Amino acid sequence: MSPGPNTPTGILRDQHKNILKVADVLEAVLGNEPTPGALDYAAIEDCARFIRLYADALHHGKEENILFVELEDRGMPRTEGPLAVMLHEHEQGRALVRSLLDALPAAKEGDEAARSRVLNAGLGYVSLIRGHILKEDQVLFNWADQMVEPMACVKLCASYDAVCRHTFDGCTVSQLEDLLTSLRARYPDA
């Protein structure tokens, strides 16, 4: 049984489910070429937008600026161990998404090398994020739920809620979740 929404990690675990759904869609898009070289670039762009704004700005922002700070305050070092690994993987994910976005214009124009970079970066991100979320859900978040006391948890949840009221490149969290719904409708088998 997973922790409820009022735990230090409950909302983050729920967001992981959405991130994994987009990873599934991205994998389906990249592996589903009706004709060789014909990728659904609009779907790839939508996946990258969701990843950049929801997975990174919203979700990783909450982890890095709220949860990880709380864990540091409770004695978990940021520069080594689990937090250092998670932060490094956040940076790896950002680099993969940048690579994908940088290659997209040329790939859309038919550049095979750019298309290959889109595929490699996209599938690399899918692999990275699945492993990353597994580590957070199975290890780091379990520790966090044990380390953070109830009163600090109330503060964390309030801070998470405040972040959710922001916009990300002009998009609300609700609009980003609508983008996920749209992607899932376009790729229902993902």
Foldseek 3Di string as FASTA:
>chain_A
DADDCLFLCHVLLVLLVLLLLLLVLLVCQLVDAPDPLDGPLVSLVLSLVLCVFSVQVQNVVLCVVFLVVVVVVLPDDCCDDPNVVLVVLSVLLVVLSVQLVVLSVVSVVPDPVSSVSNSVSSNVNSVSSVVSSCCCRVPVVVVSRVRQDSVSSVVSSVVSVVSQCDAGVNHHPVRSVVSSVVSCVVVVVD
